[in-house]
C-alpha atoms as a PDB file:
ATOM      1  CA  MET A   1     -14.966 100.438  22.959  1.00  0.00           C
ATOM      2  CA  SER A   2     -12.045  99.482  25.015  1.00  0.00           C
ATOM      3  CA  ARG A   3     -10.473 101.600  27.493  1.00  0.00           C
ATOM      4  CA  SER A   4      -6.620 101.926  28.424  1.00  0.00           C
ATOM      5  CA  VAL A   5      -5.415 101.327  32.111  1.00  0.00           C
ATOM      6  CA  ALA A   6      -2.658 103.160  33.647  1.00  0.00           C
ATOM      7  CA  PRO A   7      -0.208 100.537  35.468  1.00  0.00           C
ATOM      8  CA  ALA A   8      -0.463 101.236  39.141  1.00  0.00           C
ATOM      9  CA  SER A   9       2.454 102.251  41.293  1.00  0.00           C
ATOM     10  CA  THR A  10       4.962 100.109  42.507  1.00  0.00           C
ATOM     11  CA  PRO A  11       6.617 100.089  45.953  1.00  0.00           C
ATOM     12  CA  GLY A  12       9.877  99.563  43.852  1.00  0.00           C
ATOM     13  CA  ARG A  13       9.253 102.296  41.335  1.00  0.00           C
ATOM     14  CA  SER A  14       8.293 104.506  44.246  1.00  0.00           C
ATOM     15  CA  ALA A  15      11.325 104.214  46.502  1.00  0.00           C
ATOM     16  CA  GLY A  16      13.430 104.564  43.136  1.00  0.00           C
ATOM     17  CA  LYS A  17      12.182 108.302  42.627  1.00  0.00           C
ATOM     18  CA  GLY A  18      12.348 109.340  46.045  1.00  0.00           C
ATOM     19  CA  ARG A  19      15.891 108.154  45.755  1.00  0.00           C
ATOM     20  CA  ALA A  20      16.489 110.130  42.861  1.00  0.00           C
ATOM     21  CA  TYR A  21      15.003 112.894  44.050  1.00  0.00           C
ATOM     22  CA  TRP A  22      17.517 112.934  46.875  1.00  0.00           C
ATOM     23  CA  LEU A  23      20.205 111.978  45.585  1.00  0.00           C
ATOM     24  CA  LYS A  24      19.627 115.093  42.742  1.00  0.00           C
ATOM     25  CA  THR A  25      19.107 117.399  45.944  1.00  0.00           C
ATOM     26  CA  LEU A  26      22.017 116.282  47.898  1.00  0.00           C
ATOM     27  CA  HIS A  27      24.182 116.486  44.609  1.00  0.00           C
ATOM     28  CA  GLN A  28      23.160 119.818  44.214  1.00  0.00           C
ATOM     29  CA  TRP A  29      23.516 121.086  47.972  1.00  0.00           C
ATOM     30  CA  HIS A  30      27.231 119.383  47.623  1.00  0.00           C
ATOM     31  CA  TRP A  31      28.523 121.264  44.473  1.00  0.00           C
ATOM     32  CA  ILE A  32      27.045 124.432  45.857  1.00  0.00           C
ATOM     33  CA  SER A  33      28.488 123.642  49.134  1.00  0.00           C
ATOM     34  CA  ALA A  34      31.856 122.717  47.326  1.00  0.00           C
ATOM     35  CA  ALA A  35      31.997 126.104  45.236  1.00  0.00           C
ATOM     36  CA  THR A  36      31.553 128.193  48.508  1.00  0.00           C
ATOM     37  CA  CYS A  37      34.045 126.398  50.316  1.00  0.00           C
ATOM     38  CA  LEU A  38      36.589 125.412  47.552  1.00  0.00           C
ATOM     39  CA  ILE A  39      38.938 128.623  47.790  1.00  0.00           C
ATOM     40  CA  GLY A  40      39.023 128.819  51.683  1.00  0.00           C
ATOM     41  CA  MET A  41      39.235 124.828  52.042  1.00  0.00           C
ATOM     42  CA  LEU A  42      42.762 125.957  50.020  1.00  0.00           C
ATOM     43  CA  LEU A  43      43.718 128.557  52.466  1.00  0.00           C
ATOM     44  CA  PHE A  44      42.943 126.586  55.537  1.00  0.00           C
ATOM     45  CA  SER A  45      44.659 123.635  54.315  1.00  0.00           C
ATOM     46  CA  ILE A  46      47.731 125.192  52.600  1.00  0.00           C
ATOM     47  CA  THR A  47      48.120 127.168  56.169  1.00  0.00           C
ATOM     48  CA  GLY A  48      47.775 124.013  58.151  1.00  0.00           C
ATOM     49  CA  ILE A  49      50.953 122.133  56.466  1.00  0.00           C
ATOM     50  CA  THR A  50      52.503 125.946  57.313  1.00  0.00           C
ATOM     51  CA  LEU A  51      51.486 126.379  60.487  1.00  0.00           C
ATOM     52  CA  ASN A  52      52.869 122.656  61.413  1.00  0.00           C
ATOM     53  CA  HIS A  53      56.066 123.331  60.174  1.00  0.00           C
ATOM     54  CA  ALA A  54      56.142 126.847  61.561  1.00  0.00           C
ATOM     55  CA  ALA A  55      59.663 126.079  62.851  1.00  0.00           C
ATOM     56  CA  GLN A  56      61.093 125.019  60.087  1.00  0.00           C
ATOM     57  CA  ILE A  57      60.062 128.362  57.505  1.00  0.00           C
ATOM     58  CA  ASP A  58      62.312 130.952  57.986  1.00  0.00           C
ATOM     59  CA  ALA A  59      60.826 134.224  58.689  1.00  0.00           C
ATOM     60  CA  ASP A  60      62.921 137.361  59.167  1.00  0.00           C
ATOM     61  CA  PRO A  61      60.838 140.007  60.246  1.00  0.00           C
ATOM     62  CA  ARG A  62      61.329 144.195  59.273  1.00  0.00           C
ATOM     63  CA  ILE A  63      61.038 146.137  61.575  1.00  0.00           C
ATOM     64  CA  THR A  64      60.345 150.094  60.879  1.00  0.00           C
ATOM     65  CA  THR A  65      60.995 152.441  63.256  1.00  0.00           C
ATOM     66  CA  ARG A  66      60.643 156.551  63.093  1.00  0.00           C
ATOM     67  CA  THR A  67      60.136 159.457  65.624  1.00  0.00           C
ATOM     68  CA  LEU A  68      57.911 162.450  65.268  1.00  0.00           C
ATOM     69  CA  GLN A  69      57.271 165.366  67.128  1.00  0.00           C
ATOM     70  CA  LEU A  70      53.574 166.613  68.310  1.00  0.00           C
ATOM     71  CA  PRO A  71      52.538 169.907  66.834  1.00  0.00           C
ATOM     72  CA  ALA A  72      52.476 172.015  70.004  1.00  0.00           C
ATOM     73  CA  GLU A  73      48.830 171.918  70.294  1.00  0.00           C
ATOM     74  CA  LEU A  74      48.493 168.227  70.464  1.00  0.00           C
ATOM     75  CA  GLN A  75      51.292 167.841  73.189  1.00  0.00           C
ATOM     76  CA  GLN A  76      49.285 170.738  75.140  1.00  0.00           C
ATOM     77  CA  ALA A  77      46.050 168.624  75.466  1.00  0.00           C
ATOM     78  CA  LEU A  78      47.930 165.044  75.849  1.00  0.00           C
ATOM     79  CA  ALA A  79      50.039 167.009  78.408  1.00  0.00           C
ATOM     80  CA  THR A  80      46.306 167.857  80.209  1.00  0.00           C
ATOM     81  CA  GLY A  81      43.754 165.700  79.276  1.00  0.00           C
ATOM     82  CA  ALA A  82      44.150 162.335  80.926  1.00  0.00           C
ATOM     83  CA  PRO A  83      41.385 160.012  80.972  1.00  0.00           C
ATOM     84  CA  GLU A  84      39.015 159.563  84.284  1.00  0.00           C
ATOM     85  CA  ALA A  85      38.809 155.725  84.387  1.00  0.00           C
ATOM     86  CA  LYS A  86      40.612 154.328  86.743  1.00  0.00           C
ATOM     87  CA  ASP A  87      41.818 151.676  84.676  1.00  0.00           C
ATOM     88  CA  LYS A  88      43.707 154.826  82.932  1.00  0.00           C
ATOM     89  CA  SER A  89      42.385 153.011  79.369  1.00  0.00           C
ATOM     90  CA  ALA A  90      41.558 155.855  77.024  1.00  0.00           C
ATOM     91  CA  PRO A  91      41.732 156.410  72.975  1.00  0.00           C
ATOM     92  CA  LEU A  92      43.572 159.443  71.825  1.00  0.00           C
ATOM     93  CA  THR A  93      41.755 162.717  70.830  1.00  0.00           C
ATOM     94  CA  THR A  94      40.302 162.963  67.166  1.00  0.00           C
ATOM     95  CA  ALA A  95      42.995 165.440  66.429  1.00  0.00           C
ATOM     96  CA  ALA A  96      45.422 163.420  67.675  1.00  0.00           C
ATOM     97  CA  ALA A  97      44.693 160.504  65.831  1.00  0.00           C
ATOM     98  CA  ARG A  98      44.085 162.001  62.472  1.00  0.00           C
ATOM     99  CA  TRP A  99      47.329 163.999  62.478  1.00  0.00           C
ATOM    100  CA  LEU A 100      49.457 160.251  63.596  1.00  0.00           C
ATOM    101  CA  SER A 101      47.513 158.986  60.432  1.00  0.00           C
ATOM    102  CA  GLN A 102      48.392 161.192  57.989  1.00  0.00           C
ATOM    103  CA  GLU A 103      52.316 161.374  59.276  1.00  0.00           C
ATOM    104  CA  LEU A 104      52.636 157.207  59.935  1.00  0.00           C
ATOM    105  CA  GLY A 105      49.669 156.124  57.643  1.00  0.00           C
ATOM    106  CA  VAL A 106      47.950 154.022  60.941  1.00  0.00           C
ATOM    107  CA  ASP A 107      44.606 154.415  62.127  1.00  0.00           C
ATOM    108  CA  VAL A 108      44.852 154.583  65.661  1.00  0.00           C
ATOM    109  CA  GLU A 109      41.000 157.005  65.753  1.00  0.00           C
ATOM    110  CA  GLY A 110      39.073 154.744  68.623  1.00  0.00           C
ATOM    111  CA  ARG A 111      41.573 152.276  69.672  1.00  0.00           C
ATOM    112  CA  ASP A 112      42.224 152.206  73.441  1.00  0.00           C
ATOM    113  CA  ALA A 113      45.574 154.074  74.602  1.00  0.00           C
ATOM    114  CA  GLU A 114      47.338 153.024  77.963  1.00  0.00           C
ATOM    115  CA  TRP A 115      47.748 156.581  79.951  1.00  0.00           C
ATOM    116  CA  SER A 116      50.116 156.927  82.671  1.00  0.00           C
ATOM    117  CA  ALA A 117      51.695 160.075  84.181  1.00  0.00           C
ATOM    118  CA  ASP A 118      55.000 160.371  81.482  1.00  0.00           C
ATOM    119  CA  GLU A 119      53.419 158.665  78.130  1.00  0.00           C
ATOM    120  CA  VAL A 120      50.469 157.217  76.210  1.00  0.00           C
ATOM    121  CA  TYR A 121      51.493 153.569  74.641  1.00  0.00           C
ATOM    122  CA  VAL A 122      49.412 152.725  72.064  1.00  0.00           C
ATOM    123  CA  SER A 123      49.203 149.094  70.772  1.00  0.00           C
ATOM    124  CA  MET A 124      48.409 147.945  67.453  1.00  0.00           C
ATOM    125  CA  PRO A 125      48.651 143.899  66.597  1.00  0.00           C
ATOM    126  CA  ARG A 126      47.445 142.637  63.462  1.00  0.00           C
ATOM    127  CA  PRO A 127      47.764 139.694  61.217  1.00  0.00           C
ATOM    128  CA  GLY A 128      51.793 138.727  60.277  1.00  0.00           C
ATOM    129  CA  GLY A 129      52.594 141.752  62.048  1.00  0.00           C
ATOM    130  CA  ASP A 130      52.834 144.066  64.786  1.00  0.00           C
ATOM    131  CA  ALA A 131      53.186 147.788  65.733  1.00  0.00           C
ATOM    132  CA  TRP A 132      52.835 150.255  68.401  1.00  0.00           C
ATOM    133  CA  LEU A 133      53.656 153.900  69.364  1.00  0.00           C
ATOM    134  CA  ARG A 134      54.333 156.081  72.639  1.00  0.00           C
ATOM    135  CA  ILE A 135      53.891 159.571  73.051  1.00  0.00           C
ATOM    136  CA  ALA A 136      56.139 161.160  75.768  1.00  0.00           C
ATOM    137  CA  ARG A 137      53.143 163.232  77.634  1.00  0.00           C
ATOM    138  CA  ASP A 138      55.889 166.391  78.631  1.00  0.00           C
ATOM    139  CA  SER A 139      57.775 166.676  75.581  1.00  0.00           C
ATOM    140  CA  GLY A 140      55.113 165.296  72.784  1.00  0.00           C
ATOM    141  CA  GLU A 141      58.232 163.394  71.096  1.00  0.00           C
ATOM    142  CA  VAL A 142      56.308 160.081  69.008  1.00  0.00           C
ATOM    143  CA  GLU A 143      58.214 156.648  68.711  1.00  0.00           C
ATOM    144  CA  PHE A 144      56.343 154.367  66.427  1.00  0.00           C
ATOM    145  CA  GLU A 145      57.771 150.652  65.213  1.00  0.00           C
ATOM    146  CA  ARG A 146      55.747 148.158  63.073  1.00  0.00           C
ATOM    147  CA  THR A 147      56.982 144.743  62.546  1.00  0.00           C
ATOM    148  CA  ASP A 148      56.500 142.950  59.235  1.00  0.00           C
ATOM    149  CA  ARG A 149      57.017 139.024  59.251  1.00  0.00           C
ATOM    150  CA  GLY A 150      55.810 137.944  55.952  1.00  0.00           C
ATOM    151  CA  TRP A 151      52.747 136.551  53.898  1.00  0.00           C
ATOM    152  CA  VAL A 152      53.277 133.191  55.547  1.00  0.00           C
ATOM    153  CA  SER A 153      53.029 134.776  58.915  1.00  0.00           C
ATOM    154  CA  TYR A 154      50.060 136.751  57.507  1.00  0.00           C
ATOM    155  CA  LEU A 155      48.684 134.217  56.530  1.00  0.00           C
ATOM    156  CA  ASN A 156      49.210 131.978  59.049  1.00  0.00           C
ATOM    157  CA  ASP A 157      47.193 134.485  61.189  1.00  0.00           C
ATOM    158  CA  LEU A 158      44.186 134.358  59.152  1.00  0.00           C
ATOM    159  CA  HIS A 159      44.092 130.728  59.673  1.00  0.00           C
ATOM    160  CA  LYS A 160      44.005 131.260  63.449  1.00  0.00           C
ATOM    161  CA  GLY A 161      42.011 134.320  63.680  1.00  0.00           C
ATOM    162  CA  ARG A 162      44.476 136.495  65.580  1.00  0.00           C
ATOM    163  CA  HIS A 163      43.738 140.219  65.470  1.00  0.00           C
ATOM    164  CA  THR A 164      41.608 139.789  62.152  1.00  0.00           C
ATOM    165  CA  GLY A 165      38.662 141.735  63.755  1.00  0.00           C
ATOM    166  CA  ALA A 166      34.465 140.788  63.670  1.00  0.00           C
ATOM    167  CA  ALA A 167      34.281 140.505  59.917  1.00  0.00           C
ATOM    168  CA  TRP A 168      36.968 137.838  59.907  1.00  0.00           C
ATOM    169  CA  SER A 169      35.188 136.139  62.468  1.00  0.00           C
ATOM    170  CA  TRP A 170      32.254 136.026  60.656  1.00  0.00           C
ATOM    171  CA  PHE A 171      33.736 134.525  57.401  1.00  0.00           C
ATOM    172  CA  ILE A 172      35.465 131.690  59.752  1.00  0.00           C
ATOM    173  CA  ASP A 173      32.201 130.883  61.262  1.00  0.00           C
ATOM    174  CA  VAL A 174      29.878 130.705  58.130  1.00  0.00           C
ATOM    175  CA  PHE A 175      32.963 129.084  56.368  1.00  0.00           C
ATOM    176  CA  ALA A 176      32.739 126.438  58.872  1.00  0.00           C
ATOM    177  CA  VAL A 177      29.127 125.526  58.393  1.00  0.00           C
ATOM    178  CA  ALA A 178      29.348 125.665  54.702  1.00  0.00           C
ATOM    179  CA  CYS A 179      32.291 122.896  55.152  1.00  0.00           C
ATOM    180  CA  VAL A 180      30.063 121.041  57.755  1.00  0.00           C
ATOM    181  CA  LEU A 181      26.826 121.408  54.882  1.00  0.00           C
ATOM    182  CA  PHE A 182      29.361 119.938  52.466  1.00  0.00           C
ATOM    183  CA  SER A 183      30.783 117.111  54.486  1.00  0.00           C
ATOM    184  CA  VAL A 184      27.355 115.762  55.418  1.00  0.00           C
ATOM    185  CA  THR A 185      25.922 116.028  52.314  1.00  0.00           C
ATOM    186  CA  GLY A 186      28.477 114.021  51.000  1.00  0.00           C
ATOM    187  CA  LEU A 187      28.001 111.402  53.751  1.00  0.00           C
ATOM    188  CA  PHE A 188      24.659 110.569  52.711  1.00  0.00           C
ATOM    189  CA  ILE A 189      26.370 110.519  49.055  1.00  0.00           C
ATOM    190  CA  LEU A 190      28.360 107.846  49.622  1.00  0.00           C
ATOM    191  CA  LYS A 191      25.447 106.480  51.652  1.00  0.00           C
ATOM    192  CA  LEU A 192      23.490 106.227  48.548  1.00  0.00           C
ATOM    193  CA  HIS A 193      25.986 105.038  46.310  1.00  0.00           C
ATOM    194  CA  ALA A 194      27.581 102.345  49.080  1.00  0.00           C
ATOM    195  CA  ALA A 195      25.326  99.592  47.379  1.00  0.00           C
ATOM    196  CA  ASN A 196      27.378  99.968  44.389  1.00  0.00           C
ATOM    197  CA  ARG A 197      30.527 100.720  45.993  1.00  0.00           C
ATOM    198  CA  PRO A 198      31.932  97.920  48.508  1.00  0.00           C
ATOM    199  CA  THR A 199      34.825 100.135  49.709  1.00  0.00           C
ATOM    200  CA  THR A 200      33.079 103.188  50.915  1.00  0.00           C
ATOM    201  CA  TRP A 201      31.950 102.416  54.492  1.00  0.00           C
ATOM    202  CA  PRO A 202      35.730 100.631  55.162  1.00  0.00           C
ATOM    203  CA  LEU A 203      37.227 104.105  53.818  1.00  0.00           C
ATOM    204  CA  VAL A 204      35.303 105.832  55.969  1.00  0.00           C
ATOM    205  CA  ALA A 205      35.893 103.781  58.885  1.00  0.00           C
ATOM    206  CA  LEU A 206      39.974 104.282  58.082  1.00  0.00           C
ATOM    207  CA  GLY A 207      39.078 107.844  58.079  1.00  0.00           C
ATOM    208  CA  LEU A 208      38.393 107.684  61.381  1.00  0.00           C
ATOM    209  CA  ALA A 209      40.372 105.053  62.453  1.00  0.00           C
ATOM    210  CA  ILE A 210      43.856 106.712  61.497  1.00  0.00           C
ATOM    211  CA  PRO A 211      43.444 110.099  63.487  1.00  0.00           C
ATOM    212  CA  LEU A 212      42.006 108.278  66.351  1.00  0.00           C
ATOM    213  CA  LEU A 213      44.472 106.042  66.689  1.00  0.00           C
ATOM    214  CA  LEU A 214      47.345 108.251  66.079  1.00  0.00           C
ATOM    215  CA  ALA A 215      46.299 110.258  68.903  1.00  0.00           C
ATOM    216  CA  LEU A 216      45.733 107.508  71.284  1.00  0.00           C
ATOM    217  CA  LEU A 217      48.757 105.718  70.606  1.00  0.00           C
ATOM    218  CA  PHE A 218      51.600 109.164  70.148  1.00  0.00           C
ATOM    219  CA  ILE A 219      49.898 111.883  72.010  1.00  0.00           C
ATOM    220  CA  HIS A 220      50.586 112.239  75.562  1.00  0.00           C
END
């Protein structure tokens, strides 16, 4: 009675299986990182262009000013309640912050204010604009100014992480890691396909040479 014998595994077949496994794994991580980075890469690419041509893009800031009068009880607390810190920096009282929020639509609760003998000054920078308010401690007069520089300036500030807070800062870090993963998996995929695509490494070298030469020759 004859018995069938399984063909022995050859080194070439094992190498082919290993290559197919890594190619499949790299493609999976590459498309996942690409999908995760897609919108962010578009945002940062477009704002890279707008930042590079910021001087040619007209931006007419809109400035809004308002003048208010603190209620008597808040004015009295402001006149007598100065911070003890040597740098004279401390937040406004909760009651004053909530009143200002209702009247001006700004959030100043917990934000450091600069206290002097005559006034309290609160700076409120934000992406794409700026805002500040000044309160006279003797009269309770509130002077408020808001500057809006438009959507282009807003997106440019997101690109730079300017006045964007901790959450956006974390997003930039996570996005950067995803972009590194996207690039590294792309590099290994190129390596696996390079044998059948002879222009692979010359193109990669060109991508390195162009910015390197520009930096060496034209940036002083």
